[in-house]
Every structure is written in structure tokens, then in C-alpha cells.
């Protein structure tokens, strides 16, 4: 059922254009067949129009209005709103506002933890770590099985490592880049973190901030240790 209106005015929007939109939508709502929906939407747009008529200008960062028969909320966004949007629905359309709050909170940094046994991908901001992906590698151990020559075993092992590196790189490309995350910290207990970067399958847009040694690759204990060691090493260099 439709009973809410969400209106986003971009920074620099023409206020008269917004008023004309509210007038047009208010007039259009009168043709809605459902009595209840018509009353709800009319009430929301009428409140919006009254507010816009009293407004002198759109604030520098734009304006967001959530209106219904029982609620009326006006918000100045934390960062400049870049889009003019209006949406009627059963709930308020808050996703763009939440994205603006997220943008205002600061830049996210990607974190890849990897060794031959497994890996994980997260993003972090400050001390907050958000896991995105974790998986075991399925790479066989270094000890060959009976009946295999050492050379044949080594070739198979090397191919599994190569496949694993590329899988992790592909997952990083698919999960981090769509979020706008390009700064990247790579960690793990051994040489694999360097091989991941040297392999060349990470997207060229990633900027490698550094490498961090840690004993685990999970996005909880491993991430905590990697960030602690990385920040500690940066602090030490600063002195």
C-alpha cells in the first residue's frame, strides 16, 4: 500500500521547480481510485507543498523530505545530494540518505588476508571491520601423495596456488570496486600476500597501501591482528 512520499532535492536545485512538482503530484493524487491511498498521498504532498512554499531557498547541500499522514521529517544531508528523486511507497526511501551518511563517515579501505589455506576480504574504517567474503582454498599440502613424482606433485601444487590467487583477486575486484573501495591493505602469515599483488590479477585501480603480517586469515582475529600490526608499523615509522 502506498502511503509515504520521499523527496530528494539536489544541491543547487530550483525551488520553484520543486514547488511545481509538488503541485502536479498533489493534483495527480486526486485521481487515485483507492480512498485510503488517495487520502494518504494527498496529505503527504500537501504537507510538502506547504513546507516548500514557506522555504526561501534550497540549502547548500540540498534537502530531503519524508512525508506521510502521520510523519513529516525534513533533513539537510551530511554531504551534497547530487540527485533529484521523488518516490511514493509503503515505506520511506532512505537508501540514498544512508549512502550519504556512509560517505560522510569517511573513506573505506579494503583488506585482503590470504595464505595457501584460505582467505578473506573485508573493508575497514577506523577500528570497524566489515567482512564481505571468506573461503578455504582447497590447495593440497606440500607433502606429496604416494605414487606421484615430486616434479608432478609440485606442478599440480603450483597450479592450485595460481588458481587460488586469481580467485581471491577476482573476488576482491567484484566485491570492493562496486563499493568505490580502491585503497587496499594485504595481509597474511607468509609470502602469499606478496604473490597476490605480483600475480597481476588485482584490478589496476587498486592502490596498495601496504602489507601486514598476521597469523590468521579470518576477518575477525586475523583482521584485528593485521590492522594492529599495520597501524603499529606506521606509528613506528612516524617516530
C-alpha atoms as a PDB file:
ATOM      1  CA  UNK A   1       0.000   0.000   0.000  1.00  0.00           C
ATOM      2  CA  UNK A   2       1.251   3.460  -0.880  1.00  0.00           C
ATOM      3  CA  UNK A   3       1.191   5.940   1.983  1.00  0.00           C
ATOM      4  CA  UNK A   4       4.584   7.691   2.035  1.00  0.00           C
ATOM      5  CA  UNK A   5       6.396  10.228  -0.130  1.00  0.00           C
ATOM      6  CA  UNK A   6      10.185  10.637  -0.174  1.00  0.00           C
ATOM      7  CA  UNK A   7      11.528  13.747  -1.888  1.00  0.00           C
ATOM      8  CA  UNK A   8      15.236  14.419  -2.507  1.00  0.00           C
ATOM      9  CA  UNK A   9      16.270  17.867  -3.774  1.00  0.00           C
ATOM     10  CA  UNK A  10      19.812  18.084  -5.106  1.00  0.00           C
ATOM     11  CA  UNK A  11      22.228  20.826  -4.118  1.00  0.00           C
ATOM     12  CA  UNK A  12      21.561  23.817  -6.354  1.00  0.00           C
ATOM     13  CA  UNK A  13      18.000  22.723  -7.174  1.00  0.00           C
ATOM     14  CA  UNK A  14      15.482  25.260  -8.417  1.00  0.00           C
ATOM     15  CA  UNK A  15      12.972  25.748  -5.600  1.00  0.00           C
ATOM     16  CA  UNK A  16      10.152  26.775  -7.926  1.00  0.00           C
ATOM     17  CA  UNK A  17      10.643  23.604  -9.929  1.00  0.00           C
ATOM     18  CA  UNK A  18      10.234  21.598  -6.703  1.00  0.00           C
ATOM     19  CA  UNK A  19       7.054  23.524  -5.843  1.00  0.00           C
ATOM     20  CA  UNK A  20       5.641  22.845  -9.300  1.00  0.00           C
ATOM     21  CA  UNK A  21       6.418  19.148  -8.879  1.00  0.00           C
ATOM     22  CA  UNK A  22       4.558  19.058  -5.548  1.00  0.00           C
ATOM     23  CA  UNK A  23       1.541  20.851  -7.082  1.00  0.00           C
ATOM     24  CA  UNK A  24       1.470  18.442 -10.016  1.00  0.00           C
ATOM     25  CA  UNK A  25       1.721  15.342  -7.822  1.00  0.00           C
ATOM     26  CA  UNK A  26      -0.899  16.666  -5.428  1.00  0.00           C
ATOM     27  CA  UNK A  27      -3.306  17.201  -8.313  1.00  0.00           C
ATOM     28  CA  UNK A  28      -2.489  13.773  -9.750  1.00  0.00           C
ATOM     29  CA  UNK A  29      -3.096  12.019  -6.437  1.00  0.00           C
ATOM     30  CA  UNK A  30      -6.764  13.024  -6.572  1.00  0.00           C
ATOM     31  CA  UNK A  31      -7.338  10.501  -9.364  1.00  0.00           C
ATOM     32  CA  UNK A  32      -6.144   7.533  -7.282  1.00  0.00           C
ATOM     33  CA  UNK A  33      -9.013   5.022  -7.042  1.00  0.00           C
ATOM     34  CA  UNK A  34      -8.399   3.770  -3.504  1.00  0.00           C
ATOM     35  CA  UNK A  35      -9.925   6.181  -0.974  1.00  0.00           C
ATOM     36  CA  UNK A  36      -7.351   5.308   1.665  1.00  0.00           C
ATOM     37  CA  UNK A  37      -4.342   5.618  -0.662  1.00  0.00           C
ATOM     38  CA  UNK A  38      -5.668   8.849  -2.159  1.00  0.00           C
ATOM     39  CA  UNK A  39      -6.088  10.413   1.269  1.00  0.00           C
ATOM     40  CA  UNK A  40      -2.644   9.298   2.414  1.00  0.00           C
ATOM     41  CA  UNK A  41      -0.783  10.522  -0.674  1.00  0.00           C
ATOM     42  CA  UNK A  42      -2.733  13.788  -0.871  1.00  0.00           C
ATOM     43  CA  UNK A  43      -1.923  14.522   2.759  1.00  0.00           C
ATOM     44  CA  UNK A  44       1.782  13.832   2.209  1.00  0.00           C
ATOM     45  CA  UNK A  45       2.080  16.015  -0.899  1.00  0.00           C
ATOM     46  CA  UNK A  46       0.025  18.807   0.687  1.00  0.00           C
ATOM     47  CA  UNK A  47       2.413  18.930   3.649  1.00  0.00           C
ATOM     48  CA  UNK A  48       5.386  19.012   1.278  1.00  0.00           C
ATOM     49  CA  UNK A  49       3.870  21.844  -0.767  1.00  0.00           C
ATOM     50  CA  UNK A  50       3.113  23.944   2.325  1.00  0.00           C
ATOM     51  CA  UNK A  51       6.688  23.493   3.511  1.00  0.00           C
ATOM     52  CA  UNK A  52       8.215  24.352   0.110  1.00  0.00           C
ATOM     53  CA  UNK A  53       6.023  27.450  -0.213  1.00  0.00           C
ATOM     54  CA  UNK A  54       7.415  28.734   3.092  1.00  0.00           C
ATOM     55  CA  UNK A  55      11.007  27.864   2.184  1.00  0.00           C
ATOM     56  CA  UNK A  56      13.212  30.727   0.984  1.00  0.00           C
ATOM     57  CA  UNK A  57      15.827  28.618  -0.796  1.00  0.00           C
ATOM     58  CA  UNK A  58      17.154  25.066  -1.067  1.00  0.00           C
ATOM     59  CA  UNK A  59      20.017  24.618   1.467  1.00  0.00           C
ATOM     60  CA  UNK A  60      23.573  24.413   0.043  1.00  0.00           C
ATOM     61  CA  UNK A  61      23.754  20.613   0.319  1.00  0.00           C
ATOM     62  CA  UNK A  62      20.197  20.014  -0.850  1.00  0.00           C
ATOM     63  CA  UNK A  63      17.158  18.847   1.076  1.00  0.00           C
ATOM     64  CA  UNK A  64      15.359  15.582   1.891  1.00  0.00           C
ATOM     65  CA  UNK A  65      11.707  15.353   2.927  1.00  0.00           C
ATOM     66  CA  UNK A  66       9.873  12.275   4.212  1.00  0.00           C
ATOM     67  CA  UNK A  67       6.108  12.795   4.447  1.00  0.00           C
ATOM     68  CA  UNK A  68       3.030  10.739   5.299  1.00  0.00           C
ATOM     69  CA  UNK A  69      -0.241  11.364   7.097  1.00  0.00           C
ATOM     70  CA  UNK A  70       1.443  10.629  10.434  1.00  0.00           C
ATOM     71  CA  UNK A  71       5.036  11.772   9.862  1.00  0.00           C
ATOM     72  CA  UNK A  72       6.832  14.760   8.405  1.00  0.00           C
ATOM     73  CA  UNK A  73      10.625  14.912   8.511  1.00  0.00           C
ATOM     74  CA  UNK A  74      12.972  17.414   6.864  1.00  0.00           C
ATOM     75  CA  UNK A  75      16.690  16.601   6.692  1.00  0.00           C
ATOM     76  CA  UNK A  76      19.650  18.567   5.402  1.00  0.00           C
ATOM     77  CA  UNK A  77      22.018  15.875   4.075  1.00  0.00           C
ATOM     78  CA  UNK A  78      25.511  15.500   5.579  1.00  0.00           C
ATOM     79  CA  UNK A  79      27.135  15.751   2.126  1.00  0.00           C
ATOM     80  CA  UNK A  80      25.828  17.409  -1.055  1.00  0.00           C
ATOM     81  CA  UNK A  81      22.895  15.496  -2.529  1.00  0.00           C
ATOM     82  CA  UNK A  82      23.544  15.002  -6.245  1.00  0.00           C
ATOM     83  CA  UNK A  83      20.148  13.722  -7.406  1.00  0.00           C
ATOM     84  CA  UNK A  84      16.547  14.912  -7.608  1.00  0.00           C
ATOM     85  CA  UNK A  85      14.343  11.961  -6.650  1.00  0.00           C
ATOM     86  CA  UNK A  86      10.777  11.502  -5.540  1.00  0.00           C
ATOM     87  CA  UNK A  87       9.275   8.162  -4.649  1.00  0.00           C
ATOM     88  CA  UNK A  88       5.910   7.029  -3.303  1.00  0.00           C
ATOM     89  CA  UNK A  89       5.705   3.733  -1.473  1.00  0.00           C
ATOM     90  CA  UNK A  90       4.766   1.814   1.619  1.00  0.00           C
ATOM     91  CA  UNK A  91       7.972   2.866   3.391  1.00  0.00           C
ATOM     92  CA  UNK A  92      10.269   5.866   3.139  1.00  0.00           C
ATOM     93  CA  UNK A  93      13.057   5.628   0.573  1.00  0.00           C
ATOM     94  CA  UNK A  94      16.031   6.109   2.914  1.00  0.00           C
ATOM     95  CA  UNK A  95      18.749   4.263   0.993  1.00  0.00           C
ATOM     96  CA  UNK A  96      20.221   7.379  -0.709  1.00  0.00           C
ATOM     97  CA  UNK A  97      20.322   9.188   2.649  1.00  0.00           C
ATOM     98  CA  UNK A  98      22.038   6.222   4.290  1.00  0.00           C
ATOM     99  CA  UNK A  99      24.616   6.253   1.485  1.00  0.00           C
ATOM    100  CA  UNK A 100      25.263   9.955   2.170  1.00  0.00           C
ATOM    101  CA  UNK A 101      25.812   9.266   5.869  1.00  0.00           C
ATOM    102  CA  UNK A 102      28.172   6.479   4.878  1.00  0.00           C
ATOM    103  CA  UNK A 103      30.075   8.850   2.576  1.00  0.00           C
ATOM    104  CA  UNK A 104      30.276  11.481   5.315  1.00  0.00           C
ATOM    105  CA  UNK A 105      31.736   8.938   7.747  1.00  0.00           C
ATOM    106  CA  UNK A 106      34.950   8.728   5.712  1.00  0.00           C
ATOM    107  CA  UNK A 107      36.751   6.587   3.187  1.00  0.00           C
ATOM    108  CA  UNK A 108      36.675   2.803   3.354  1.00  0.00           C
ATOM    109  CA  UNK A 109      39.812   0.718   2.896  1.00  0.00           C
ATOM    110  CA  UNK A 110      39.839  -2.826   1.566  1.00  0.00           C
ATOM    111  CA  UNK A 111      41.541  -5.649   3.463  1.00  0.00           C
ATOM    112  CA  UNK A 112      42.591  -8.945   1.890  1.00  0.00           C
ATOM    113  CA  UNK A 113      44.003 -11.679   4.113  1.00  0.00           C
ATOM    114  CA  UNK A 114      45.443 -14.698   2.329  1.00  0.00           C
ATOM    115  CA  UNK A 115      47.617 -17.761   2.698  1.00  0.00           C
ATOM    116  CA  UNK A 116      47.668 -21.156   0.992  1.00  0.00           C
ATOM    117  CA  UNK A 117      44.907 -22.479   3.262  1.00  0.00           C
ATOM    118  CA  UNK A 118      42.280 -19.760   2.967  1.00  0.00           C
ATOM    119  CA  UNK A 119      41.494 -16.105   2.666  1.00  0.00           C
ATOM    120  CA  UNK A 120      39.017 -13.337   3.397  1.00  0.00           C
ATOM    121  CA  UNK A 121      38.014  -9.931   2.058  1.00  0.00           C
ATOM    122  CA  UNK A 122      36.697  -7.089   4.216  1.00  0.00           C
ATOM    123  CA  UNK A 123      36.606  -3.335   4.326  1.00  0.00           C
ATOM    124  CA  UNK A 124      37.525  -1.244   7.330  1.00  0.00           C
ATOM    125  CA  UNK A 125      37.183   2.307   8.543  1.00  0.00           C
ATOM    126  CA  UNK A 126      38.921   3.179  11.780  1.00  0.00           C
ATOM    127  CA  UNK A 127      38.562   0.135  14.028  1.00  0.00           C
ATOM    128  CA  UNK A 128      35.380  -1.092  12.352  1.00  0.00           C
ATOM    129  CA  UNK A 129      35.814  -4.124  10.062  1.00  0.00           C
ATOM    130  CA  UNK A 130      33.001  -5.383   7.823  1.00  0.00           C
ATOM    131  CA  UNK A 131      33.569  -8.907   6.376  1.00  0.00           C
ATOM    132  CA  UNK A 132      32.487  -9.451   2.779  1.00  0.00           C
ATOM    133  CA  UNK A 133      33.826 -12.888   1.815  1.00  0.00           C
ATOM    134  CA  UNK A 134      35.732 -15.821   3.338  1.00  0.00           C
ATOM    135  CA  UNK A 135      36.686 -19.217   1.906  1.00  0.00           C
ATOM    136  CA  UNK A 136      39.054 -22.147   2.323  1.00  0.00           C
ATOM    137  CA  UNK A 137      41.483 -22.566  -0.570  1.00  0.00           C
ATOM    138  CA  UNK A 138      41.322 -26.355  -1.034  1.00  0.00           C
ATOM    139  CA  UNK A 139      45.024 -26.233  -2.002  1.00  0.00           C
ATOM    140  CA  UNK A 140      46.743 -29.540  -1.180  1.00  0.00           C
ATOM    141  CA  UNK A 141      49.516 -29.569   1.399  1.00  0.00           C
ATOM    142  CA  UNK A 142      53.181 -29.595   0.485  1.00  0.00           C
ATOM    143  CA  UNK A 143      53.648 -33.312   1.153  1.00  0.00           C
ATOM    144  CA  UNK A 144      53.098 -35.404  -1.964  1.00  0.00           C
ATOM    145  CA  UNK A 145      50.911 -38.476  -2.068  1.00  0.00           C
ATOM    146  CA  UNK A 146      52.405 -41.901  -2.728  1.00  0.00           C
ATOM    147  CA  UNK A 147      52.889 -42.804  -6.375  1.00  0.00           C
ATOM    148  CA  UNK A 148      53.432 -39.224  -7.518  1.00  0.00           C
ATOM    149  CA  UNK A 149      56.803 -37.924  -8.624  1.00  0.00           C
ATOM    150  CA  UNK A 150      57.997 -34.826  -6.799  1.00  0.00           C
ATOM    151  CA  UNK A 151      58.034 -32.829 -10.027  1.00  0.00           C
ATOM    152  CA  UNK A 152      54.493 -33.830 -10.943  1.00  0.00           C
ATOM    153  CA  UNK A 153      53.234 -33.041  -7.457  1.00  0.00           C
ATOM    154  CA  UNK A 154      54.966 -29.656  -7.472  1.00  0.00           C
ATOM    155  CA  UNK A 155      53.391 -28.733 -10.815  1.00  0.00           C
ATOM    156  CA  UNK A 156      49.943 -29.605  -9.502  1.00  0.00           C
ATOM    157  CA  UNK A 157      50.531 -27.687  -6.290  1.00  0.00           C
ATOM    158  CA  UNK A 158      51.774 -24.610  -8.158  1.00  0.00           C
ATOM    159  CA  UNK A 159      48.711 -24.682 -10.419  1.00  0.00           C
ATOM    160  CA  UNK A 160      46.394 -24.845  -7.421  1.00  0.00           C
ATOM    161  CA  UNK A 161      48.165 -21.872  -5.838  1.00  0.00           C
ATOM    162  CA  UNK A 162      47.839 -19.889  -9.067  1.00  0.00           C
ATOM    163  CA  UNK A 163      44.120 -20.701  -9.290  1.00  0.00           C
ATOM    164  CA  UNK A 164      43.624 -19.681  -5.661  1.00  0.00           C
ATOM    165  CA  UNK A 165      45.436 -16.358  -6.101  1.00  0.00           C
ATOM    166  CA  UNK A 166      43.304 -15.497  -9.082  1.00  0.00           C
ATOM    167  CA  UNK A 167      40.097 -16.461  -7.321  1.00  0.00           C
ATOM    168  CA  UNK A 168      40.886 -14.135  -4.431  1.00  0.00           C
ATOM    169  CA  UNK A 169      41.828 -11.332  -6.844  1.00  0.00           C
ATOM    170  CA  UNK A 170      38.594 -11.812  -8.784  1.00  0.00           C
ATOM    171  CA  UNK A 171      36.541 -11.718  -5.574  1.00  0.00           C
ATOM    172  CA  UNK A 172      38.291  -8.522  -4.488  1.00  0.00           C
ATOM    173  CA  UNK A 173      37.538  -6.933  -7.854  1.00  0.00           C
ATOM    174  CA  UNK A 174      33.883  -7.997  -7.658  1.00  0.00           C
ATOM    175  CA  UNK A 175      33.200  -7.019  -4.038  1.00  0.00           C
ATOM    176  CA  UNK A 176      35.310  -3.931  -3.329  1.00  0.00           C
ATOM    177  CA  UNK A 177      35.294  -1.935  -6.561  1.00  0.00           C
ATOM    178  CA  UNK A 178      31.475  -1.643  -6.835  1.00  0.00           C
ATOM    179  CA  UNK A 179      31.575  -0.081  -3.350  1.00  0.00           C
ATOM    180  CA  UNK A 180      34.098   2.511  -4.507  1.00  0.00           C
ATOM    181  CA  UNK A 181      36.871   0.970  -2.401  1.00  0.00           C
ATOM    182  CA  UNK A 182      40.253   1.314  -4.141  1.00  0.00           C
ATOM    183  CA  UNK A 183      42.748   1.629  -1.277  1.00  0.00           C
ATOM    184  CA  UNK A 184      43.885  -1.827  -0.238  1.00  0.00           C
ATOM    185  CA  UNK A 185      45.821  -3.437   2.599  1.00  0.00           C
ATOM    186  CA  UNK A 186      47.002  -7.017   2.008  1.00  0.00           C
ATOM    187  CA  UNK A 187      47.909  -9.306   4.884  1.00  0.00           C
ATOM    188  CA  UNK A 188      48.613 -12.876   5.861  1.00  0.00           C
ATOM    189  CA  UNK A 189      51.098 -15.124   7.655  1.00  0.00           C
ATOM    190  CA  UNK A 190      53.571 -15.728   4.823  1.00  0.00           C
ATOM    191  CA  UNK A 191      54.688 -14.843   1.286  1.00  0.00           C
ATOM    192  CA  UNK A 192      51.268 -15.380  -0.332  1.00  0.00           C
ATOM    193  CA  UNK A 193      50.160 -11.775   0.215  1.00  0.00           C
ATOM    194  CA  UNK A 194      53.050 -10.541  -1.938  1.00  0.00           C
ATOM    195  CA  UNK A 195      52.365 -13.140  -4.618  1.00  0.00           C
ATOM    196  CA  UNK A 196      48.752 -11.999  -4.798  1.00  0.00           C
ATOM    197  CA  UNK A 197      49.845  -8.493  -5.785  1.00  0.00           C
ATOM    198  CA  UNK A 198      52.651  -9.667  -8.063  1.00  0.00           C
ATOM    199  CA  UNK A 199      50.309 -12.040  -9.910  1.00  0.00           C
ATOM    200  CA  UNK A 200      48.715  -9.041 -11.612  1.00  0.00           C
ATOM    201  CA  UNK A 201      45.044 -10.049 -11.433  1.00  0.00           C
ATOM    202  CA  UNK A 202      44.003  -7.406  -8.946  1.00  0.00           C
ATOM    203  CA  UNK A 203      42.326  -4.549 -10.797  1.00  0.00           C
ATOM    204  CA  UNK A 204      44.684  -1.724 -11.786  1.00  0.00           C
ATOM    205  CA  UNK A 205      42.528   0.779  -9.874  1.00  0.00           C
ATOM    206  CA  UNK A 206      43.580  -0.653  -6.519  1.00  0.00           C
ATOM    207  CA  UNK A 207      46.203   1.317  -4.627  1.00  0.00           C
ATOM    208  CA  UNK A 208      48.225  -0.980  -2.353  1.00  0.00           C
ATOM    209  CA  UNK A 209      48.747   0.847   0.941  1.00  0.00           C
ATOM    210  CA  UNK A 210      50.990  -1.847   2.352  1.00  0.00           C
ATOM    211  CA  UNK A 211      51.378  -5.381   3.639  1.00  0.00           C
ATOM    212  CA  UNK A 212      50.665  -6.688   7.136  1.00  0.00           C
ATOM    213  CA  UNK A 213      51.891  -9.882   8.782  1.00  0.00           C
ATOM    214  CA  UNK A 214      49.273 -11.792  10.754  1.00  0.00           C
ATOM    215  CA  UNK A 215      48.828 -15.371  11.894  1.00  0.00           C
ATOM    216  CA  UNK A 216      45.261 -15.843  10.657  1.00  0.00           C
ATOM    217  CA  UNK A 217      43.257 -15.048   7.533  1.00  0.00           C
ATOM    218  CA  UNK A 218      39.771 -14.871   9.048  1.00  0.00           C
ATOM    219  CA  UNK A 219      38.002 -11.478   9.058  1.00  0.00           C
ATOM    220  CA  UNK A 220      37.828 -11.317  12.863  1.00  0.00           C
ATOM    221  CA  UNK A 221      41.024 -12.330  14.666  1.00  0.00           C
ATOM    222  CA  UNK A 222      43.105 -12.101  11.506  1.00  0.00           C
ATOM    223  CA  UNK A 223      41.760  -8.669  10.582  1.00  0.00           C
ATOM    224  CA  UNK A 224      42.264  -7.388  14.126  1.00  0.00           C
ATOM    225  CA  UNK A 225      45.890  -8.539  14.174  1.00  0.00           C
ATOM    226  CA  UNK A 226      46.634  -7.254  10.657  1.00  0.00           C
ATOM    227  CA  UNK A 227      45.276  -3.784  11.407  1.00  0.00           C
ATOM    228  CA  UNK A 228      47.065  -3.608  14.747  1.00  0.00           C
ATOM    229  CA  UNK A 229      50.416  -4.524  13.193  1.00  0.00           C
ATOM    230  CA  UNK A 230      49.932  -2.225  10.205  1.00  0.00           C
ATOM    231  CA  UNK A 231      48.992   0.771  12.347  1.00  0.00           C
ATOM    232  CA  UNK A 232      51.805  -0.030  14.774  1.00  0.00           C
ATOM    233  CA  UNK A 233      54.363  -0.140  11.954  1.00  0.00           C
ATOM    234  CA  UNK A 234      53.098   3.182  10.575  1.00  0.00           C
ATOM    235  CA  UNK A 235      53.330   4.744  14.037  1.00  0.00           C
ATOM    236  CA  UNK A 236      56.885   3.424  14.466  1.00  0.00           C
ATOM    237  CA  UNK A 237      57.949   4.896  11.107  1.00  0.00           C
ATOM    238  CA  UNK A 238      56.441   8.236  12.081  1.00  0.00           C
ATOM    239  CA  UNK A 239      58.891   8.439  15.007  1.00  0.00           C
END
